[in-house]
Amino acid sequence: MHDTVWFEIQGLPSVTIASSEFHEAAIVQRNALGMSDARFVLVDHPIQDATDEEMRLKARGVADAVLAALTD
């Protein structure tokens, strides 16, 4: 969320992409950073031990949500 907030302050649309495990943490951080409308998209957890192909599938699964978050 720190990077997303920094980019947004610079006027550059940004979205954080994180594991679904970090949903609550993303909300807490964006509020703590003073940007409660900072956008984030969650990828199905877990990701640490996912294969390259599994990560490609996860990425494809959120691509539309990422584009929507950047263009809303």
N, C-alpha and C. Protein backbone atom coordinates (compact mmCIF):
# COMPACT_ATOMS: atom_id res chain seq x y z
N MET A 1 0.82 -1.19 0.00
CA MET A 1 0.00 0.00 0.00
C MET A 1 0.86 1.26 0.00
N HIS A 2 2.04 1.19 0.60
CA HIS A 2 2.89 2.38 0.62
C HIS A 2 3.21 2.86 -0.79
N ASP A 3 3.56 1.94 -1.67
CA ASP A 3 3.88 2.33 -3.05
C ASP A 3 2.65 2.89 -3.76
N THR A 4 1.51 2.27 -3.58
CA THR A 4 0.29 2.75 -4.22
C THR A 4 -0.01 4.18 -3.77
N VAL A 5 0.08 4.43 -2.47
CA VAL A 5 -0.19 5.77 -1.95
C VAL A 5 0.82 6.76 -2.53
N TRP A 6 2.11 6.38 -2.57
CA TRP A 6 3.13 7.29 -3.10
C TRP A 6 2.83 7.62 -4.56
N PHE A 7 2.55 6.60 -5.38
CA PHE A 7 2.25 6.86 -6.79
C PHE A 7 1.01 7.72 -6.96
N GLU A 8 -0.01 7.46 -6.18
CA GLU A 8 -1.24 8.25 -6.27
C GLU A 8 -0.97 9.71 -5.92
N ILE A 9 -0.16 9.94 -4.90
CA ILE A 9 0.20 11.32 -4.53
C ILE A 9 0.93 12.01 -5.69
N GLN A 10 1.68 11.25 -6.46
CA GLN A 10 2.39 11.79 -7.62
C GLN A 10 1.47 11.98 -8.82
N GLY A 11 0.21 11.57 -8.67
CA GLY A 11 -0.74 11.71 -9.77
C GLY A 11 -0.74 10.53 -10.72
N LEU A 12 -0.15 9.43 -10.33
CA LEU A 12 -0.07 8.24 -11.18
C LEU A 12 -1.03 7.17 -10.65
N PRO A 13 -2.03 6.81 -11.44
CA PRO A 13 -2.96 5.77 -10.98
C PRO A 13 -2.20 4.50 -10.59
N SER A 14 -2.60 3.92 -9.49
CA SER A 14 -1.89 2.76 -8.98
C SER A 14 -2.85 1.84 -8.25
N VAL A 15 -2.47 0.58 -8.19
CA VAL A 15 -3.27 -0.41 -7.47
C VAL A 15 -2.30 -1.40 -6.83
N THR A 16 -2.56 -1.75 -5.59
CA THR A 16 -1.79 -2.78 -4.91
C THR A 16 -2.38 -4.14 -5.25
N ILE A 17 -1.51 -5.10 -5.51
CA ILE A 17 -1.94 -6.48 -5.73
C ILE A 17 -1.33 -7.31 -4.62
N ALA A 18 -2.19 -8.01 -3.89
CA ALA A 18 -1.73 -8.78 -2.73
C ALA A 18 -2.50 -10.08 -2.63
N SER A 19 -1.98 -10.96 -1.82
CA SER A 19 -2.66 -12.21 -1.52
C SER A 19 -3.93 -11.92 -0.72
N SER A 20 -4.94 -12.71 -0.94
CA SER A 20 -6.21 -12.53 -0.23
C SER A 20 -6.04 -12.62 1.28
N GLU A 21 -4.98 -13.21 1.73
CA GLU A 21 -4.68 -13.30 3.16
C GLU A 21 -4.49 -11.92 3.78
N PHE A 22 -4.16 -10.94 2.95
CA PHE A 22 -3.83 -9.60 3.46
C PHE A 22 -4.94 -8.57 3.26
N HIS A 23 -6.15 -9.03 3.09
CA HIS A 23 -7.29 -8.13 2.88
C HIS A 23 -7.41 -7.11 4.02
N GLU A 24 -7.49 -7.58 5.23
CA GLU A 24 -7.65 -6.67 6.37
C GLU A 24 -6.43 -5.76 6.51
N ALA A 25 -5.25 -6.30 6.31
CA ALA A 25 -4.03 -5.48 6.42
C ALA A 25 -4.02 -4.36 5.39
N ALA A 26 -4.51 -4.62 4.18
CA ALA A 26 -4.56 -3.59 3.15
C ALA A 26 -5.49 -2.46 3.57
N ILE A 27 -6.62 -2.80 4.14
CA ILE A 27 -7.56 -1.78 4.61
C ILE A 27 -6.95 -0.95 5.73
N VAL A 28 -6.35 -1.62 6.69
CA VAL A 28 -5.74 -0.92 7.83
C VAL A 28 -4.62 0.00 7.34
N GLN A 29 -3.77 -0.51 6.45
CA GLN A 29 -2.65 0.31 5.97
C GLN A 29 -3.10 1.51 5.16
N ARG A 30 -4.06 1.33 4.27
CA ARG A 30 -4.46 2.50 3.47
C ARG A 30 -5.08 3.57 4.35
N ASN A 31 -5.82 3.15 5.38
CA ASN A 31 -6.38 4.12 6.32
C ASN A 31 -5.28 4.80 7.12
N ALA A 32 -4.31 4.02 7.59
CA ALA A 32 -3.20 4.58 8.36
C ALA A 32 -2.36 5.54 7.54
N LEU A 33 -2.29 5.30 6.24
CA LEU A 33 -1.51 6.16 5.35
C LEU A 33 -2.32 7.37 4.87
N GLY A 34 -3.55 7.48 5.32
CA GLY A 34 -4.36 8.64 5.00
C GLY A 34 -5.00 8.63 3.63
N MET A 35 -5.11 7.46 3.02
CA MET A 35 -5.72 7.38 1.70
C MET A 35 -6.70 6.19 1.70
N SER A 36 -7.84 6.40 2.34
CA SER A 36 -8.80 5.31 2.53
C SER A 36 -9.41 4.80 1.23
N ASP A 37 -9.20 5.54 0.14
CA ASP A 37 -9.72 5.07 -1.15
C ASP A 37 -8.64 4.46 -2.04
N ALA A 38 -7.44 4.24 -1.48
CA ALA A 38 -6.38 3.57 -2.25
C ALA A 38 -6.89 2.19 -2.67
N ARG A 39 -6.64 1.86 -3.92
CA ARG A 39 -7.21 0.63 -4.47
C ARG A 39 -6.28 -0.56 -4.30
N PHE A 40 -6.90 -1.71 -4.13
CA PHE A 40 -6.14 -2.95 -4.09
C PHE A 40 -6.96 -4.08 -4.69
N VAL A 41 -6.26 -5.05 -5.24
CA VAL A 41 -6.87 -6.25 -5.82
C VAL A 41 -6.21 -7.44 -5.15
N LEU A 42 -7.02 -8.42 -4.80
CA LEU A 42 -6.50 -9.58 -4.09
C LEU A 42 -6.43 -10.80 -5.00
N VAL A 43 -5.31 -11.51 -4.90
CA VAL A 43 -5.07 -12.75 -5.62
C VAL A 43 -5.31 -13.89 -4.64
N ASP A 44 -5.90 -14.98 -5.12
CA ASP A 44 -6.16 -16.12 -4.24
C ASP A 44 -4.89 -16.55 -3.52
N HIS A 45 -5.04 -16.78 -2.23
CA HIS A 45 -3.95 -17.26 -1.38
C HIS A 45 -3.91 -18.78 -1.48
N PRO A 46 -2.79 -19.43 -1.39
CA PRO A 46 -1.44 -18.89 -1.20
C PRO A 46 -0.76 -18.60 -2.54
N ILE A 47 0.29 -17.81 -2.47
CA ILE A 47 1.07 -17.55 -3.67
C ILE A 47 2.53 -17.99 -3.51
N GLN A 48 2.99 -18.10 -2.28
CA GLN A 48 4.40 -18.38 -2.03
C GLN A 48 4.88 -19.66 -2.71
N ASP A 49 4.07 -20.71 -2.65
CA ASP A 49 4.52 -21.98 -3.21
C ASP A 49 3.84 -22.31 -4.55
N ALA A 50 3.21 -21.32 -5.16
CA ALA A 50 2.54 -21.55 -6.45
C ALA A 50 3.57 -21.72 -7.56
N THR A 51 3.26 -22.59 -8.49
CA THR A 51 4.13 -22.76 -9.65
C THR A 51 3.96 -21.57 -10.59
N ASP A 52 4.84 -21.47 -11.56
CA ASP A 52 4.72 -20.38 -12.54
C ASP A 52 3.37 -20.43 -13.24
N GLU A 53 2.93 -21.61 -13.62
CA GLU A 53 1.64 -21.73 -14.31
C GLU A 53 0.49 -21.34 -13.38
N GLU A 54 0.55 -21.74 -12.13
CA GLU A 54 -0.50 -21.34 -11.18
C GLU A 54 -0.52 -19.83 -11.00
N MET A 55 0.64 -19.20 -10.99
CA MET A 55 0.69 -17.74 -10.87
C MET A 55 0.13 -17.07 -12.12
N ARG A 56 0.40 -17.65 -13.29
CA ARG A 56 -0.19 -17.10 -14.51
C ARG A 56 -1.71 -17.15 -14.44
N LEU A 57 -2.24 -18.25 -13.97
CA LEU A 57 -3.69 -18.39 -13.84
C LEU A 57 -4.25 -17.38 -12.84
N LYS A 58 -3.57 -17.21 -11.74
CA LYS A 58 -4.01 -16.22 -10.73
C LYS A 58 -3.98 -14.81 -11.32
N ALA A 59 -2.92 -14.52 -12.07
CA ALA A 59 -2.79 -13.19 -12.69
C ALA A 59 -3.91 -12.96 -13.70
N ARG A 60 -4.16 -13.95 -14.53
CA ARG A 60 -5.27 -13.82 -15.50
C ARG A 60 -6.60 -13.61 -14.78
N GLY A 61 -6.74 -14.26 -13.64
CA GLY A 61 -7.99 -14.16 -12.89
C GLY A 61 -8.27 -12.78 -12.32
N VAL A 62 -7.24 -11.98 -12.14
CA VAL A 62 -7.44 -10.64 -11.57
C VAL A 62 -7.14 -9.52 -12.56
N ALA A 63 -6.74 -9.85 -13.77
CA ALA A 63 -6.35 -8.82 -14.74
C ALA A 63 -7.46 -7.79 -14.97
N ASP A 64 -8.69 -8.23 -15.14
CA ASP A 64 -9.79 -7.29 -15.36
C ASP A 64 -10.01 -6.39 -14.15
N ALA A 65 -9.88 -6.96 -12.96
CA ALA A 65 -10.06 -6.16 -11.74
C ALA A 65 -8.95 -5.12 -11.60
N VAL A 66 -7.74 -5.47 -11.98
CA VAL A 66 -6.64 -4.52 -11.94
C VAL A 66 -6.89 -3.38 -12.93
N LEU A 67 -7.26 -3.71 -14.13
CA LEU A 67 -7.57 -2.67 -15.13
C LEU A 67 -8.71 -1.77 -14.66
N ALA A 68 -9.74 -2.37 -14.10
CA ALA A 68 -10.87 -1.59 -13.60
C ALA A 68 -10.43 -0.65 -12.48
N ALA A 69 -9.59 -1.15 -11.57
CA ALA A 69 -9.12 -0.31 -10.47
C ALA A 69 -8.29 0.86 -10.98
N LEU A 70 -7.56 0.66 -12.04
CA LEU A 70 -6.72 1.73 -12.58
C LEU A 70 -7.50 2.75 -13.40
N THR A 71 -8.66 2.37 -13.89
CA THR A 71 -9.39 3.26 -14.79
C THR A 71 -10.69 3.81 -14.20
N ASP A 72 -11.02 3.41 -12.98
CA ASP A 72 -12.24 3.96 -12.34
C ASP A 72 -12.07 5.42 -11.99
